[in-house]
Amino acid sequence: MILEGIVTTHNEDGTVNVSPMGPDVGDDAVVNQFVLKPFNTSQTYQNLKRSGVGVLHITDDVLLIARAAIHQLTDAPTIDESCGNLRLVLGNACRWFEFEVVELDDEQQRTRIQCKTTQQGELRPFWGFNRAKHAVLEAAILATRVGILERQEIEQQMQQLEIIVGKTAGEQELAAFELIQRFLAATN
């Protein structure tokens, strides 16, 4: 099973890299190990290859996911200094899983990184996803596929997602979806 979340790692200069990522966690509700599959051109890949550690977050903050997906995090995210050993836990996450890389296979363009959870915690209950949050998540994934998918396919899917957002969104979902729409328009 792919579980959409956010991975944080340390950049070489010590700053925090925030990347939406869908690790394969298997079918078990306990996340003791998982597989990340970043592209070998990504900053997350470079950081994990260099340091071998990071944090996987489960969050319902789709605005953060959207901003991270299109590289528009204008402010550094709030880090909860009291959690974990790596100083990488996002302050607004629901759950977090500090991990170490067990195996890294970068022979393909899509790297396969086997990870083992070393520490975990819960900061707040998972509020959940309404249909608009799901739609924003799908839109964020589409935004990361610019240059991979046909433009017409992205536009068709965005039109369908816009209907769902229009019917069910709150302020956060509207802001996130508009951000993604502006990004896609600028890449046209």
C-alpha atoms as a PDB file:
ATOM      1  CA  MET A   1       0.000   0.000   0.000  1.00  0.00           C
ATOM      2  CA  ILE A   2       1.240   3.482  -0.862  1.00  0.00           C
ATOM      3  CA  LEU A   3       0.743   5.977   1.974  1.00  0.00           C
ATOM      4  CA  GLU A   4       1.024   9.609   0.940  1.00  0.00           C
ATOM      5  CA  GLY A   5       3.094  11.699   3.311  1.00  0.00           C
ATOM      6  CA  ILE A   6       6.001  14.089   3.621  1.00  0.00           C
ATOM      7  CA  VAL A   7       9.652  13.184   4.038  1.00  0.00           C
ATOM      8  CA  THR A   8      12.101  15.577   5.654  1.00  0.00           C
ATOM      9  CA  THR A   9      15.863  15.287   5.347  1.00  0.00           C
ATOM     10  CA  HIS A  10      18.832  17.530   6.051  1.00  0.00           C
ATOM     11  CA  ASN A  11      20.409  19.310   3.129  1.00  0.00           C
ATOM     12  CA  GLU A  12      24.193  19.484   3.064  1.00  0.00           C
ATOM     13  CA  ASP A  13      24.070  23.015   4.546  1.00  0.00           C
ATOM     14  CA  GLY A  14      21.906  21.833   7.478  1.00  0.00           C
ATOM     15  CA  THR A  15      18.619  23.269   6.241  1.00  0.00           C
ATOM     16  CA  VAL A  16      15.525  21.083   6.087  1.00  0.00           C
ATOM     17  CA  ASN A  17      14.348  19.605   2.785  1.00  0.00           C
ATOM     18  CA  VAL A  18      10.587  18.925   2.660  1.00  0.00           C
ATOM     19  CA  SER A  19       9.307  16.548   0.013  1.00  0.00           C
ATOM     20  CA  PRO A  20       5.912  14.926  -0.512  1.00  0.00           C
ATOM     21  CA  MET A  21       6.419  11.245  -1.041  1.00  0.00           C
ATOM     22  CA  GLY A  22       4.342   8.088  -1.120  1.00  0.00           C
ATOM     23  CA  PRO A  23       6.280   5.261   0.500  1.00  0.00           C
ATOM     24  CA  ASP A  24       5.232   1.658   0.112  1.00  0.00           C
ATOM     25  CA  VAL A  25       4.352   0.649   3.676  1.00  0.00           C
ATOM     26  CA  GLY A  26       2.893  -2.778   2.919  1.00  0.00           C
ATOM     27  CA  ASP A  27      -0.529  -3.690   4.254  1.00  0.00           C
ATOM     28  CA  ASP A  28       0.386  -3.589   7.935  1.00  0.00           C
ATOM     29  CA  ALA A  29      -0.899  -0.657  10.005  1.00  0.00           C
ATOM     30  CA  VAL A  30       2.397  -0.697  11.917  1.00  0.00           C
ATOM     31  CA  VAL A  31       5.077   1.204   9.998  1.00  0.00           C
ATOM     32  CA  ASN A  32       8.318  -0.461  11.101  1.00  0.00           C
ATOM     33  CA  GLN A  33       9.794  -0.508   7.628  1.00  0.00           C
ATOM     34  CA  PHE A  34       8.917   0.981   4.267  1.00  0.00           C
ATOM     35  CA  VAL A  35      10.292   1.664   0.804  1.00  0.00           C
ATOM     36  CA  LEU A  36      10.845   5.120  -0.667  1.00  0.00           C
ATOM     37  CA  LYS A  37      11.181   5.518  -4.435  1.00  0.00           C
ATOM     38  CA  PRO A  38      12.496   9.003  -5.191  1.00  0.00           C
ATOM     39  CA  PHE A  39      13.950   9.891  -8.558  1.00  0.00           C
ATOM     40  CA  ASN A  40      17.731   9.906  -8.450  1.00  0.00           C
ATOM     41  CA  THR A  41      17.688  13.572  -9.486  1.00  0.00           C
ATOM     42  CA  SER A  42      15.759  14.630  -6.358  1.00  0.00           C
ATOM     43  CA  GLN A  43      17.172  16.421  -3.340  1.00  0.00           C
ATOM     44  CA  THR A  44      15.619  13.777  -1.071  1.00  0.00           C
ATOM     45  CA  TYR A  45      17.580  11.061  -2.854  1.00  0.00           C
ATOM     46  CA  GLN A  46      20.824  13.031  -2.575  1.00  0.00           C
ATOM     47  CA  ASN A  47      20.267  13.717   1.126  1.00  0.00           C
ATOM     48  CA  LEU A  48      19.371  10.112   1.960  1.00  0.00           C
ATOM     49  CA  LYS A  49      22.340   8.773   0.021  1.00  0.00           C
ATOM     50  CA  ARG A  50      24.643  11.145   1.920  1.00  0.00           C
ATOM     51  CA  SER A  51      23.183  10.957   5.449  1.00  0.00           C
ATOM     52  CA  GLY A  52      21.077   7.786   5.497  1.00  0.00           C
ATOM     53  CA  VAL A  53      18.410   9.248   7.805  1.00  0.00           C
ATOM     54  CA  GLY A  54      15.131  11.171   7.602  1.00  0.00           C
ATOM     55  CA  VAL A  55      11.599  11.461   8.911  1.00  0.00           C
ATOM     56  CA  LEU A  56       8.362  10.323   7.270  1.00  0.00           C
ATOM     57  CA  HIS A  57       5.287  12.340   8.300  1.00  0.00           C
ATOM     58  CA  ILE A  58       1.602  11.557   8.095  1.00  0.00           C
ATOM     59  CA  THR A  59      -0.345  14.796   7.824  1.00  0.00           C
ATOM     60  CA  ASP A  60      -3.686  16.162   6.708  1.00  0.00           C
ATOM     61  CA  ASP A  61      -2.132  19.551   5.851  1.00  0.00           C
ATOM     62  CA  VAL A  62      -2.722  19.554   2.087  1.00  0.00           C
ATOM     63  CA  LEU A  63      -1.502  23.134   1.722  1.00  0.00           C
ATOM     64  CA  LEU A  64       1.930  22.039   2.967  1.00  0.00           C
ATOM     65  CA  ILE A  65       1.843  19.032   0.639  1.00  0.00           C
ATOM     66  CA  ALA A  66       0.907  21.252  -2.318  1.00  0.00           C
ATOM     67  CA  ARG A  67       3.604  23.841  -1.564  1.00  0.00           C
ATOM     68  CA  ALA A  68       6.254  21.172  -1.155  1.00  0.00           C
ATOM     69  CA  ALA A  69       5.180  19.396  -4.366  1.00  0.00           C
ATOM     70  CA  ILE A  70       5.666  22.494  -6.497  1.00  0.00           C
ATOM     71  CA  HIS A  71       8.707  23.795  -4.600  1.00  0.00           C
ATOM     72  CA  GLN A  72       6.922  26.851  -3.218  1.00  0.00           C
ATOM     73  CA  LEU A  73       7.648  26.620   0.487  1.00  0.00           C
ATOM     74  CA  THR A  74       8.195  30.312   1.099  1.00  0.00           C
ATOM     75  CA  ASP A  75       8.982  29.876   4.795  1.00  0.00           C
ATOM     76  CA  ALA A  76      10.942  27.144   6.507  1.00  0.00           C
ATOM     77  CA  PRO A  77       8.514  24.716   8.127  1.00  0.00           C
ATOM     78  CA  THR A  78       8.128  24.678  11.885  1.00  0.00           C
ATOM     79  CA  ILE A  79      10.184  21.886  13.410  1.00  0.00           C
ATOM     80  CA  ASP A  80       9.170  20.360  16.755  1.00  0.00           C
ATOM     81  CA  GLU A  81      12.530  20.358  18.538  1.00  0.00           C
ATOM     82  CA  SER A  82      11.219  18.057  21.293  1.00  0.00           C
ATOM     83  CA  CYS A  83      10.562  15.127  18.926  1.00  0.00           C
ATOM     84  CA  GLY A  84      13.067  12.635  17.606  1.00  0.00           C
ATOM     85  CA  ASN A  85      16.832  12.801  17.476  1.00  0.00           C
ATOM     86  CA  LEU A  86      17.274  14.348  14.030  1.00  0.00           C
ATOM     87  CA  ARG A  87      15.468  17.694  14.519  1.00  0.00           C
ATOM     88  CA  LEU A  88      13.381  16.976  11.423  1.00  0.00           C
ATOM     89  CA  VAL A  89       9.860  16.447  12.830  1.00  0.00           C
ATOM     90  CA  LEU A  90       7.332  18.878  11.353  1.00  0.00           C
ATOM     91  CA  GLY A  91       5.381  20.708  14.043  1.00  0.00           C
ATOM     92  CA  ASN A  92       2.034  20.272  12.277  1.00  0.00           C
ATOM     93  CA  ALA A  93       2.352  16.564  11.492  1.00  0.00           C
ATOM     94  CA  CYS A  94      -0.083  14.037  12.861  1.00  0.00           C
ATOM     95  CA  ARG A  95       2.359  11.141  13.152  1.00  0.00           C
ATOM     96  CA  TRP A  96       6.065  10.883  12.433  1.00  0.00           C
ATOM     97  CA  PHE A  97       8.500   8.047  11.789  1.00  0.00           C
ATOM     98  CA  GLU A  98      12.204   8.739  12.139  1.00  0.00           C
ATOM     99  CA  PHE A  99      14.089   6.267   9.948  1.00  0.00           C
ATOM    100  CA  GLU A 100      17.429   5.063   8.752  1.00  0.00           C
ATOM    101  CA  VAL A 101      18.263   3.739   5.311  1.00  0.00           C
ATOM    102  CA  VAL A 102      18.871  -0.013   5.359  1.00  0.00           C
ATOM    103  CA  GLU A 103      19.449  -0.498   1.641  1.00  0.00           C
ATOM    104  CA  LEU A 104      19.695   1.888  -1.302  1.00  0.00           C
ATOM    105  CA  ASP A 105      19.465   0.629  -4.884  1.00  0.00           C
ATOM    106  CA  ASP A 106      20.040   3.450  -7.358  1.00  0.00           C
ATOM    107  CA  GLU A 107      20.671   1.419 -10.494  1.00  0.00           C
ATOM    108  CA  GLN A 108      17.369   2.640 -11.994  1.00  0.00           C
ATOM    109  CA  GLN A 109      16.127   6.223 -12.520  1.00  0.00           C
ATOM    110  CA  ARG A 110      13.593   5.581  -9.743  1.00  0.00           C
ATOM    111  CA  THR A 111      15.713   4.706  -6.722  1.00  0.00           C
ATOM    112  CA  ARG A 112      14.540   2.067  -4.266  1.00  0.00           C
ATOM    113  CA  ILE A 113      15.390   2.907  -0.649  1.00  0.00           C
ATOM    114  CA  GLN A 114      14.538   0.379   2.060  1.00  0.00           C
ATOM    115  CA  CYS A 115      14.015   2.179   5.389  1.00  0.00           C
ATOM    116  CA  LYS A 116      13.668   1.032   8.981  1.00  0.00           C
ATOM    117  CA  THR A 117      11.780   3.076  11.586  1.00  0.00           C
ATOM    118  CA  THR A 118      14.021   3.931  14.542  1.00  0.00           C
ATOM    119  CA  GLN A 119      11.637   6.140  16.506  1.00  0.00           C
ATOM    120  CA  GLN A 120       8.049   7.332  16.092  1.00  0.00           C
ATOM    121  CA  GLY A 121       5.425   9.510  17.686  1.00  0.00           C
ATOM    122  CA  GLU A 122       2.083  11.243  17.391  1.00  0.00           C
ATOM    123  CA  LEU A 123       1.713  15.004  17.694  1.00  0.00           C
ATOM    124  CA  ARG A 124      -2.023  15.269  17.120  1.00  0.00           C
ATOM    125  CA  PRO A 125      -4.912  13.157  15.919  1.00  0.00           C
ATOM    126  CA  PHE A 126      -5.337  12.783  12.166  1.00  0.00           C
ATOM    127  CA  TRP A 127      -8.283  15.017  11.292  1.00  0.00           C
ATOM    128  CA  GLY A 128      -8.912  13.130   8.079  1.00  0.00           C
ATOM    129  CA  PHE A 129      -9.494  13.863   4.462  1.00  0.00           C
ATOM    130  CA  ASN A 130     -12.641  15.214   2.905  1.00  0.00           C
ATOM    131  CA  ARG A 131     -13.089  14.852  -0.852  1.00  0.00           C
ATOM    132  CA  ALA A 132     -11.387  18.211  -1.467  1.00  0.00           C
ATOM    133  CA  LYS A 133      -8.269  17.147   0.458  1.00  0.00           C
ATOM    134  CA  HIS A 134      -8.083  14.023  -1.697  1.00  0.00           C
ATOM    135  CA  ALA A 135      -8.527  16.155  -4.821  1.00  0.00           C
ATOM    136  CA  VAL A 136      -5.736  18.523  -3.759  1.00  0.00           C
ATOM    137  CA  LEU A 137      -3.476  15.568  -3.076  1.00  0.00           C
ATOM    138  CA  GLU A 138      -4.150  14.231  -6.596  1.00  0.00           C
ATOM    139  CA  ALA A 139      -3.603  17.712  -8.062  1.00  0.00           C
ATOM    140  CA  ALA A 140      -0.265  17.999  -6.243  1.00  0.00           C
ATOM    141  CA  ILE A 141       0.797  14.658  -7.683  1.00  0.00           C
ATOM    142  CA  LEU A 142      -0.234  15.840 -11.157  1.00  0.00           C
ATOM    143  CA  ALA A 143       1.857  18.992 -10.680  1.00  0.00           C
ATOM    144  CA  THR A 144       4.911  16.830 -10.041  1.00  0.00           C
ATOM    145  CA  ARG A 145       4.252  15.034 -13.331  1.00  0.00           C
ATOM    146  CA  VAL A 146       4.606  18.091 -15.585  1.00  0.00           C
ATOM    147  CA  GLY A 147       6.945  17.017 -18.354  1.00  0.00           C
ATOM    148  CA  ILE A 148       6.148  13.355 -17.729  1.00  0.00           C
ATOM    149  CA  LEU A 149       2.415  13.244 -18.533  1.00  0.00           C
ATOM    150  CA  GLU A 150       0.762  14.760 -21.586  1.00  0.00           C
ATOM    151  CA  ARG A 151      -0.448  18.303 -20.883  1.00  0.00           C
ATOM    152  CA  GLN A 152      -3.965  17.426 -22.073  1.00  0.00           C
ATOM    153  CA  GLU A 153      -4.192  14.572 -19.561  1.00  0.00           C
ATOM    154  CA  ILE A 154      -3.165  16.876 -16.698  1.00  0.00           C
ATOM    155  CA  GLU A 155      -5.712  19.521 -17.753  1.00  0.00           C
ATOM    156  CA  GLN A 156      -8.533  16.968 -18.022  1.00  0.00           C
ATOM    157  CA  GLN A 157      -7.821  15.556 -14.598  1.00  0.00           C
ATOM    158  CA  MET A 158      -7.515  19.046 -13.088  1.00  0.00           C
ATOM    159  CA  GLN A 159     -10.955  19.967 -14.475  1.00  0.00           C
ATOM    160  CA  GLN A 160     -12.483  16.947 -12.753  1.00  0.00           C
ATOM    161  CA  LEU A 161     -10.673  17.700  -9.499  1.00  0.00           C
ATOM    162  CA  GLU A 162     -11.790  21.344  -9.624  1.00  0.00           C
ATOM    163  CA  ILE A 163     -15.432  20.238  -9.459  1.00  0.00           C
ATOM    164  CA  ILE A 164     -14.764  18.227  -6.298  1.00  0.00           C
ATOM    165  CA  VAL A 165     -12.824  21.076  -4.692  1.00  0.00           C
ATOM    166  CA  GLY A 166     -15.597  23.528  -5.591  1.00  0.00           C
ATOM    167  CA  LYS A 167     -18.195  21.360  -3.846  1.00  0.00           C
ATOM    168  CA  THR A 168     -16.337  20.275  -0.711  1.00  0.00           C
ATOM    169  CA  ALA A 169     -13.343  22.523   0.041  1.00  0.00           C
ATOM    170  CA  GLY A 170     -12.552  24.607   3.071  1.00  0.00           C
ATOM    171  CA  GLU A 171     -10.136  27.548   3.039  1.00  0.00           C
ATOM    172  CA  GLN A 172      -6.983  25.397   3.184  1.00  0.00           C
ATOM    173  CA  GLU A 173      -8.064  23.198   0.276  1.00  0.00           C
ATOM    174  CA  LEU A 174      -9.109  26.203  -1.842  1.00  0.00           C
ATOM    175  CA  ALA A 175      -5.772  27.931  -1.234  1.00  0.00           C
ATOM    176  CA  ALA A 176      -3.820  24.754  -2.039  1.00  0.00           C
ATOM    177  CA  PHE A 177      -5.774  24.034  -5.227  1.00  0.00           C
ATOM    178  CA  GLU A 178      -5.416  27.647  -6.448  1.00  0.00           C
ATOM    179  CA  LEU A 179      -1.670  27.471  -5.780  1.00  0.00           C
ATOM    180  CA  ILE A 180      -1.393  24.344  -7.925  1.00  0.00           C
ATOM    181  CA  GLN A 181      -3.541  25.873 -10.681  1.00  0.00           C
ATOM    182  CA  ARG A 182      -1.270  28.959 -10.805  1.00  0.00           C
ATOM    183  CA  PHE A 183       1.793  26.725 -10.932  1.00  0.00           C
ATOM    184  CA  LEU A 184       0.378  24.685 -13.811  1.00  0.00           C
ATOM    185  CA  ALA A 185      -0.637  27.834 -15.712  1.00  0.00           C
ATOM    186  CA  ALA A 186       2.907  29.212 -15.333  1.00  0.00           C
ATOM    187  CA  THR A 187       4.422  25.991 -16.710  1.00  0.00           C
ATOM    188  CA  ASN A 188       2.237  26.085 -19.807  1.00  0.00           C
END
